[in-house]
Amino acid sequence: MESIGVVVNPIAGMGGRVGLKGTDGVFEEARRRGAEPRAPDRAREALGALHRRAPEVAVYTAAGEMGAAAAREAGYEPTVVSDPGDAAVGETTAADTRAAVREFLDRGVDLVLFVGGDGTAVDVAEVLEESEGETPMLGVPAGVKIYSSVFGVTPADAGRIAAEFDRVESREVNDIDEEAYREGEVRAELRAVVPVPVASDVQSGKQLSSGSVDTLAEGFARDVDPETTYVFGPGSTVGAIEAELGIDPSPLGVDVWRDGEVLARDASEEEILSVVRDPAVIVVSPIGGQGFVFGRGNHQISPDVIRRAADVEVVASGQKLDGIGALRVDTDDADLDERLRGWMHVRTGRFTTRLVKVV
């Protein structure tokens, strides 16, 4: 690879930890709740991994936090081809992303590396399709919802793949309606099919189907400890457990419960930390087809929340596990990710568990 175009959506993922399940259309609310930018750090991590393997590659990028700042910190002297002007974080737009990608294509880059979530992936993919060329794209995961199969598993994986790939394959770009998502409904739509580097560390698209979890929920409810605080992650599997306990779950949010009392519903990171009492157990289910237990759709369960917990209990039907193979974590904290890796017991039924490796 001789050249790469890099574009960053600076606000991607900001709504996650503060409980907004995304940032589309709610940036000011996210900022009011104290959200901090996430994408710039992940851009630096990806570009650092790229620079260690391909320091000589020519980098084209947008100005400031849309790419140039991270590229320079990684050791590159990028060529800035697009400038949104004096726009601060939160004031750049999808049009700025699209303009940058068009400039990359005009310069014949070998890959477009973007930092964001599914919405950013759609913006990049639609420009690529307009060009009717075959330039591949690859995502550095920074958004809350990651349903598309065009992202590296981690930022470092994306940087490594960008430096080393030698062939591409067609993959899907999907997006969901964030407003409906915040109300607990998933409406996914295929938006594009694009060329993406072939690598084992490009994540799969999210599978929306699920198997029966009735016996799993019954078994979990039978074993709850009234002296333990439970932090219930999003998703239908964990939601079935909550329903068994008499809780009205927030389907795509995080609930905190102890001894028959809901301490927080659809909680942000700050709200979780304010009500959790020791001992605490985090209950999560992996994303179907991808295997993520942390770092996709549940950013409210932050590194601080995970460290506060005495245990993490992963629950999933055997059918879901059959389609995964391994579990994954991407918490924004490399030391914590490493600590979480290894073999983990996953509860699959009333009495049954299965050993699955966190990779």
Protein backbone atom coordinates (compact mmCIF):
# COMPACT_ATOMS: atom_id res chain seq x y z
CA MET A 1 0.00 0.00 0.00
CA GLU A 2 1.40 3.38 -1.03
CA SER A 3 -1.25 5.81 0.23
CA ILE A 4 -4.20 5.94 2.60
CA GLY A 5 -7.02 8.38 3.28
CA VAL A 6 -7.93 8.88 6.94
CA VAL A 7 -11.10 10.55 8.19
CA VAL A 8 -12.35 10.73 11.79
CA ASN A 9 -15.86 11.46 13.04
CA PRO A 10 -14.80 13.28 16.25
CA ILE A 11 -18.09 12.78 18.09
CA ALA A 12 -18.62 9.08 17.28
CA GLY A 13 -19.46 7.07 20.39
CA MET A 14 -19.83 10.04 22.72
CA GLY A 15 -23.41 9.12 23.58
CA GLY A 16 -22.53 5.62 24.79
CA ARG A 17 -21.34 6.05 28.35
CA VAL A 18 -23.95 8.70 29.12
CA GLY A 19 -26.77 6.35 28.13
CA LEU A 20 -27.86 7.90 24.83
CA LYS A 21 -27.08 4.80 22.68
CA GLY A 22 -25.53 6.95 19.97
CA THR A 23 -24.77 10.57 19.14
CA ASP A 24 -26.80 11.18 15.98
CA GLY A 25 -28.89 14.30 16.57
CA VAL A 26 -28.22 14.41 20.32
CA PHE A 27 -24.66 15.75 20.53
CA GLU A 28 -25.62 18.74 22.69
CA GLU A 29 -27.46 16.47 25.11
CA ALA A 30 -24.44 14.15 25.25
CA ARG A 31 -22.17 17.08 26.00
CA ARG A 32 -24.60 18.37 28.65
CA ARG A 33 -24.37 14.97 30.35
CA GLY A 34 -20.60 15.23 30.45
CA ALA A 35 -19.69 13.02 27.48
CA GLU A 36 -16.07 13.07 26.36
CA PRO A 37 -14.82 12.52 22.79
CA ARG A 38 -13.82 8.90 22.19
CA ALA A 39 -12.94 8.74 18.51
CA PRO A 40 -9.71 10.81 18.57
CA ASP A 41 -8.03 8.41 21.02
CA ARG A 42 -9.06 5.44 18.95
CA ALA A 43 -7.79 7.14 15.81
CA ARG A 44 -4.40 7.64 17.47
CA GLU A 45 -4.29 3.98 18.50
CA ALA A 46 -5.09 2.78 14.98
CA LEU A 47 -2.65 5.13 13.28
CA GLY A 48 0.06 4.25 15.79
CA ALA A 49 -0.34 0.59 14.86
CA LEU A 50 -0.23 1.54 11.18
CA HIS A 51 2.91 3.66 11.61
CA ARG A 52 4.79 0.86 13.38
CA ARG A 53 4.28 -1.33 10.31
CA ALA A 54 4.14 1.18 7.46
CA PRO A 55 5.88 4.43 8.45
CA GLU A 56 6.49 5.33 4.82
CA VAL A 57 2.88 5.28 3.62
CA ALA A 58 1.50 8.61 2.33
CA VAL A 59 -1.37 9.80 4.51
CA TYR A 60 -4.11 12.08 3.18
CA THR A 61 -6.54 13.39 5.74
CA ALA A 62 -8.95 16.07 6.85
CA ALA A 63 -7.80 18.88 9.10
CA GLY A 64 -7.66 18.92 12.88
CA GLU A 65 -9.63 16.36 14.86
CA MET A 66 -11.00 14.91 11.64
CA GLY A 67 -7.68 13.16 11.09
CA ALA A 68 -4.61 15.39 10.85
CA ALA A 69 -4.07 15.72 14.60
CA ALA A 70 -4.08 11.95 15.17
CA ALA A 71 -1.89 11.33 12.13
CA ARG A 72 0.76 13.75 13.37
CA GLU A 73 0.71 12.26 16.85
CA ALA A 74 1.26 8.83 15.29
CA GLY A 75 4.39 10.08 13.52
CA TYR A 76 3.11 10.98 10.06
CA GLU A 77 3.32 14.27 8.18
CA PRO A 78 -0.10 14.07 6.52
CA THR A 79 -1.29 15.94 3.47
CA VAL A 80 -4.45 17.82 4.49
CA VAL A 81 -6.90 17.71 1.60
CA SER A 82 -10.08 18.84 3.33
CA ASP A 83 -10.70 21.46 6.00
CA PRO A 84 -14.05 22.06 7.72
CA GLY A 85 -12.77 25.47 8.79
CA ASP A 86 -13.12 26.63 12.37
CA ALA A 87 -15.63 23.92 13.27
CA ALA A 88 -15.16 22.65 16.82
CA VAL A 89 -15.75 19.08 17.94
CA GLY A 90 -19.45 18.47 17.43
CA GLU A 91 -19.79 20.99 14.61
CA THR A 92 -18.34 18.86 11.82
CA THR A 93 -20.93 17.10 9.68
CA ALA A 94 -21.53 14.10 7.48
CA ALA A 95 -20.97 16.45 4.54
CA ASP A 96 -17.44 17.11 5.85
CA THR A 97 -16.77 13.36 5.96
CA ARG A 98 -18.06 12.90 2.43
CA ALA A 99 -16.01 15.82 1.13
CA ALA A 100 -12.85 14.33 2.61
CA VAL A 101 -13.51 10.92 1.06
CA ARG A 102 -14.06 12.49 -2.37
CA GLU A 103 -10.69 14.23 -2.07
CA PHE A 104 -9.04 10.92 -1.11
CA LEU A 105 -10.48 9.24 -4.19
CA ASP A 106 -9.30 12.09 -6.43
CA ARG A 107 -5.78 11.35 -5.19
CA GLY A 108 -6.06 7.65 -5.85
CA VAL A 109 -5.59 6.33 -2.31
CA ASP A 110 -5.28 2.57 -1.83
CA LEU A 111 -7.58 2.48 1.22
CA VAL A 112 -10.01 4.74 3.07
CA LEU A 113 -9.57 4.27 6.82
CA PHE A 114 -12.40 5.88 8.79
CA VAL A 115 -13.01 6.24 12.51
CA GLY A 116 -16.62 6.15 13.66
CA GLY A 117 -19.67 3.93 13.76
CA ASP A 118 -22.27 2.67 11.32
CA GLY A 119 -23.41 6.17 10.36
CA THR A 120 -19.88 7.16 9.37
CA ALA A 121 -19.54 3.87 7.50
CA VAL A 122 -22.64 4.75 5.47
CA ASP A 123 -21.22 8.18 4.61
CA VAL A 124 -17.94 6.68 3.39
CA ALA A 125 -19.59 3.79 1.54
CA GLU A 126 -22.02 5.97 -0.35
CA VAL A 127 -19.18 8.14 -1.69
CA LEU A 128 -17.25 5.03 -2.71
CA GLU A 129 -20.32 3.70 -4.54
CA GLU A 130 -20.84 7.05 -6.27
CA SER A 131 -17.29 6.87 -7.64
CA GLU A 132 -17.98 3.43 -9.14
CA GLY A 133 -14.37 2.53 -8.35
CA GLU A 134 -12.98 -0.34 -6.31
CA THR A 135 -11.22 1.51 -3.49
CA PRO A 136 -11.62 -0.51 -0.27
CA MET A 137 -12.65 0.90 3.09
CA LEU A 138 -11.95 -0.18 6.66
CA GLY A 139 -13.42 1.08 9.91
CA VAL A 140 -11.83 1.83 13.26
CA PRO A 141 -14.69 1.09 15.70
CA ALA A 142 -15.63 4.16 17.70
CA GLY A 143 -19.43 4.30 17.54
CA VAL A 144 -21.96 2.89 19.99
CA LYS A 145 -23.74 0.66 17.49
CA ILE A 146 -21.57 -1.41 15.17
CA TYR A 147 -23.80 -3.55 12.96
CA SER A 148 -21.67 -3.40 9.80
CA SER A 149 -19.01 -5.96 8.88
CA VAL A 150 -16.43 -3.39 7.75
CA PHE A 151 -14.62 -2.70 11.05
CA GLY A 152 -11.49 -4.02 12.65
CA VAL A 153 -12.18 -5.79 15.92
CA THR A 154 -10.09 -3.15 17.76
CA PRO A 155 -8.40 0.08 16.67
CA ALA A 156 -4.99 -1.61 16.74
CA ASP A 157 -6.33 -4.44 14.58
CA ALA A 158 -7.60 -1.91 12.05
CA GLY A 159 -4.19 -0.23 11.87
CA ARG A 160 -2.42 -3.55 11.43
CA ILE A 161 -4.86 -4.73 8.75
CA ALA A 162 -4.47 -1.44 6.85
CA ALA A 163 -0.70 -1.95 6.76
CA GLU A 164 -0.68 -5.62 5.80
CA PHE A 165 -3.72 -6.55 3.69
CA ASP A 166 -3.21 -7.94 0.22
CA ARG A 167 -6.74 -8.70 -0.97
CA VAL A 168 -10.33 -7.56 -0.43
CA GLU A 169 -13.81 -9.03 -0.30
CA SER A 170 -17.34 -7.62 -0.44
CA ARG A 171 -18.93 -6.85 2.93
CA GLU A 172 -22.11 -5.22 4.15
CA VAL A 173 -22.65 -1.73 5.57
CA ASN A 174 -25.75 -1.64 7.78
CA ASP A 175 -27.28 1.16 9.78
CA ILE A 176 -30.10 1.42 12.28
CA ASP A 177 -32.57 4.12 13.21
CA GLU A 178 -31.03 5.66 16.36
CA GLU A 179 -34.27 7.29 17.48
CA ALA A 180 -36.03 3.91 17.38
CA TYR A 181 -32.96 2.31 18.99
CA ARG A 182 -33.24 4.66 21.97
CA GLU A 183 -36.84 3.47 22.38
CA GLY A 184 -35.69 -0.15 22.43
CA GLU A 185 -36.42 -1.14 18.83
CA VAL A 186 -33.80 -2.30 16.33
CA ARG A 187 -34.54 -1.35 12.72
CA ALA A 188 -31.52 -2.42 10.69
CA GLU A 189 -31.16 -1.62 7.01
CA LEU A 190 -28.58 -2.75 4.45
CA ARG A 191 -27.11 0.46 3.03
CA ALA A 192 -24.19 -0.67 0.86
CA VAL A 193 -21.92 -3.53 -0.15
CA VAL A 194 -18.27 -2.46 -0.38
CA PRO A 195 -14.78 -3.93 -0.74
CA VAL A 196 -13.02 -4.46 2.61
CA PRO A 197 -9.58 -5.93 3.40
CA VAL A 198 -9.62 -9.66 4.09
CA ALA A 199 -8.39 -10.44 7.63
CA SER A 200 -9.45 -12.59 10.56
CA ASP A 201 -9.69 -9.47 12.73
CA VAL A 202 -12.39 -7.79 10.64
CA GLN A 203 -15.53 -8.24 12.70
CA SER A 204 -18.66 -9.94 11.46
CA GLY A 205 -21.96 -8.16 11.02
CA LYS A 206 -24.39 -8.44 13.89
CA GLN A 207 -26.92 -11.24 13.64
CA LEU A 208 -30.36 -10.17 14.79
CA SER A 209 -31.86 -13.62 15.34
CA SER A 210 -31.83 -15.35 18.71
CA GLY A 211 -32.79 -18.67 20.19
CA SER A 212 -34.96 -19.56 23.18
CA VAL A 213 -33.62 -18.37 26.50
CA ASP A 214 -36.52 -19.35 28.75
CA THR A 215 -34.69 -22.03 30.71
CA LEU A 216 -31.60 -19.85 31.01
CA ALA A 217 -33.67 -17.02 32.49
CA GLU A 218 -35.42 -19.37 34.91
CA GLY A 219 -32.13 -20.81 36.11
CA PHE A 220 -30.52 -17.42 36.59
CA ALA A 221 -33.51 -16.04 38.50
CA ARG A 222 -33.47 -19.07 40.77
CA ASP A 223 -29.84 -18.38 41.74
CA VAL A 224 -29.92 -14.62 42.36
CA ASP A 225 -28.42 -13.44 45.64
CA PRO A 226 -30.48 -10.78 47.45
CA GLU A 227 -27.26 -9.29 48.85
CA THR A 228 -25.78 -8.73 45.38
CA THR A 229 -26.25 -5.76 43.05
CA TYR A 230 -26.84 -6.83 39.44
CA VAL A 231 -25.92 -4.61 36.50
CA PHE A 232 -27.97 -5.93 33.59
CA GLY A 233 -26.67 -5.13 30.12
CA PRO A 234 -28.78 -4.63 26.99
CA GLY A 235 -30.28 -7.26 24.72
CA SER A 236 -33.13 -9.75 24.61
CA THR A 237 -31.28 -12.55 26.45
CA VAL A 238 -30.56 -10.42 29.51
CA GLY A 239 -34.00 -8.85 29.12
CA ALA A 240 -35.57 -12.31 29.54
CA ILE A 241 -33.72 -12.70 32.84
CA GLU A 242 -34.97 -9.30 34.01
CA ALA A 243 -38.52 -10.20 33.04
CA GLU A 244 -38.22 -13.43 35.02
CA LEU A 245 -37.24 -11.29 38.02
CA GLY A 246 -40.27 -9.04 37.55
CA ILE A 247 -38.29 -6.16 36.07
CA ASP A 248 -39.54 -4.12 33.12
CA PRO A 249 -36.25 -4.08 31.21
CA SER A 250 -34.93 -1.27 29.05
CA PRO A 251 -34.24 -3.50 26.02
CA LEU A 252 -31.20 -1.61 24.76
CA GLY A 253 -30.15 0.08 27.97
CA VAL A 254 -28.49 -0.89 31.25
CA ASP A 255 -30.50 -1.53 34.41
CA VAL A 256 -29.26 -1.88 38.00
CA TRP A 257 -31.21 -4.12 40.40
CA ARG A 258 -30.82 -5.41 43.94
CA ASP A 259 -33.17 -7.56 46.04
CA GLY A 260 -36.35 -6.75 44.13
CA GLU A 261 -35.62 -3.06 43.65
CA VAL A 262 -34.63 -1.36 40.41
CA LEU A 263 -31.96 1.12 41.46
CA ALA A 264 -31.50 2.63 37.99
CA ARG A 265 -33.17 2.05 34.64
CA ASP A 266 -31.60 2.80 31.24
CA ALA A 267 -28.67 4.16 33.23
CA SER A 268 -25.59 6.10 32.16
CA GLU A 269 -22.12 5.22 33.43
CA GLU A 270 -22.38 7.92 36.10
CA GLU A 271 -25.78 6.68 37.25
CA ILE A 272 -24.55 3.09 37.47
CA LEU A 273 -21.57 4.08 39.59
CA SER A 274 -23.75 6.21 41.86
CA VAL A 275 -26.12 3.37 42.83
CA VAL A 276 -23.94 0.24 42.73
CA ARG A 277 -23.31 -1.34 46.11
CA ASP A 278 -20.83 -4.13 46.72
CA PRO A 279 -20.80 -6.93 45.85
CA ALA A 280 -21.85 -6.31 42.25
CA VAL A 281 -22.19 -8.64 39.26
CA ILE A 282 -22.39 -7.51 35.64
CA VAL A 283 -24.67 -9.63 33.45
CA VAL A 284 -24.11 -9.40 29.71
CA SER A 285 -24.80 -11.42 26.58
CA PRO A 286 -22.50 -11.48 23.54
CA ILE A 287 -23.61 -9.85 20.32
CA GLY A 288 -24.75 -12.52 17.90
CA GLY A 289 -22.32 -13.19 15.08
CA GLN A 290 -19.63 -10.94 16.62
CA GLY A 291 -19.08 -12.20 20.15
CA PHE A 292 -18.51 -8.83 21.82
CA VAL A 293 -19.45 -8.75 25.50
CA PHE A 294 -18.05 -5.26 26.13
CA GLY A 295 -17.45 -2.37 23.75
CA ARG A 296 -20.42 -2.67 21.41
CA GLY A 297 -23.77 -1.15 22.39
CA ASN A 298 -23.02 -1.13 26.14
CA HIS A 299 -20.45 1.63 26.67
CA GLN A 300 -22.31 2.62 29.84
CA ILE A 301 -20.63 -0.45 31.34
CA SER A 302 -17.31 1.36 31.28
CA PRO A 303 -13.91 0.23 32.57
CA ASP A 304 -14.69 1.91 35.91
CA VAL A 305 -17.96 -0.01 36.18
CA ILE A 306 -16.30 -3.30 35.25
CA ARG A 307 -13.56 -2.81 37.83
CA ARG A 308 -16.18 -2.05 40.46
CA ALA A 309 -17.85 -5.42 39.90
CA ALA A 310 -16.87 -8.55 41.76
CA ASP A 311 -17.76 -10.72 38.77
CA VAL A 312 -18.97 -10.72 35.18
CA GLU A 313 -21.58 -13.30 34.20
CA VAL A 314 -22.01 -13.96 30.49
CA VAL A 315 -25.26 -15.56 29.37
CA ALA A 316 -26.21 -16.89 25.94
CA SER A 317 -28.17 -19.66 24.35
CA GLY A 318 -26.20 -22.54 22.92
CA GLN A 319 -27.50 -21.58 19.48
CA LYS A 320 -26.00 -18.10 19.78
CA LEU A 321 -22.66 -19.47 20.94
CA ASP A 322 -22.57 -21.88 18.01
CA GLY A 323 -22.56 -18.88 15.69
CA ILE A 324 -19.80 -17.03 17.55
CA GLY A 325 -16.84 -19.29 18.32
CA ALA A 326 -15.12 -16.82 20.67
CA LEU A 327 -15.92 -13.84 22.87
CA ARG A 328 -14.38 -10.40 22.39
CA VAL A 329 -13.84 -7.24 24.45
CA ASP A 330 -12.99 -3.67 23.42
CA THR A 331 -13.35 -1.47 26.49
CA ASP A 332 -11.00 1.44 25.57
CA ASP A 333 -8.64 0.15 28.29
CA ALA A 334 -5.92 -2.19 27.00
CA ASP A 335 -4.93 -3.44 30.45
CA LEU A 336 -8.53 -4.28 31.32
CA ASP A 337 -9.04 -6.01 27.97
CA GLU A 338 -6.01 -8.16 28.66
CA ARG A 339 -7.28 -9.00 32.14
CA LEU A 340 -10.63 -10.10 30.74
CA ARG A 341 -9.10 -12.40 28.13
CA GLY A 342 -8.94 -16.14 28.72
CA TRP A 343 -11.50 -18.87 29.29
CA MET A 344 -14.90 -17.89 30.66
CA HIS A 345 -17.91 -19.91 31.76
CA VAL A 346 -20.99 -18.85 29.78
CA ARG A 347 -24.36 -19.78 31.20
CA THR A 348 -26.45 -21.46 28.48
CA GLY A 349 -29.43 -22.94 30.34
CA ARG A 350 -31.06 -23.70 33.68
CA PHE A 351 -28.11 -25.77 34.85
CA THR A 352 -25.66 -25.75 31.94
CA THR A 353 -22.56 -23.69 31.15
CA ARG A 354 -20.01 -23.74 28.36
CA LEU A 355 -16.37 -22.73 28.41
CA VAL A 356 -15.71 -20.07 25.76
CA LYS A 357 -12.47 -18.18 25.23
CA VAL A 358 -12.29 -14.38 25.34
CA VAL A 359 -9.75 -13.47 22.64
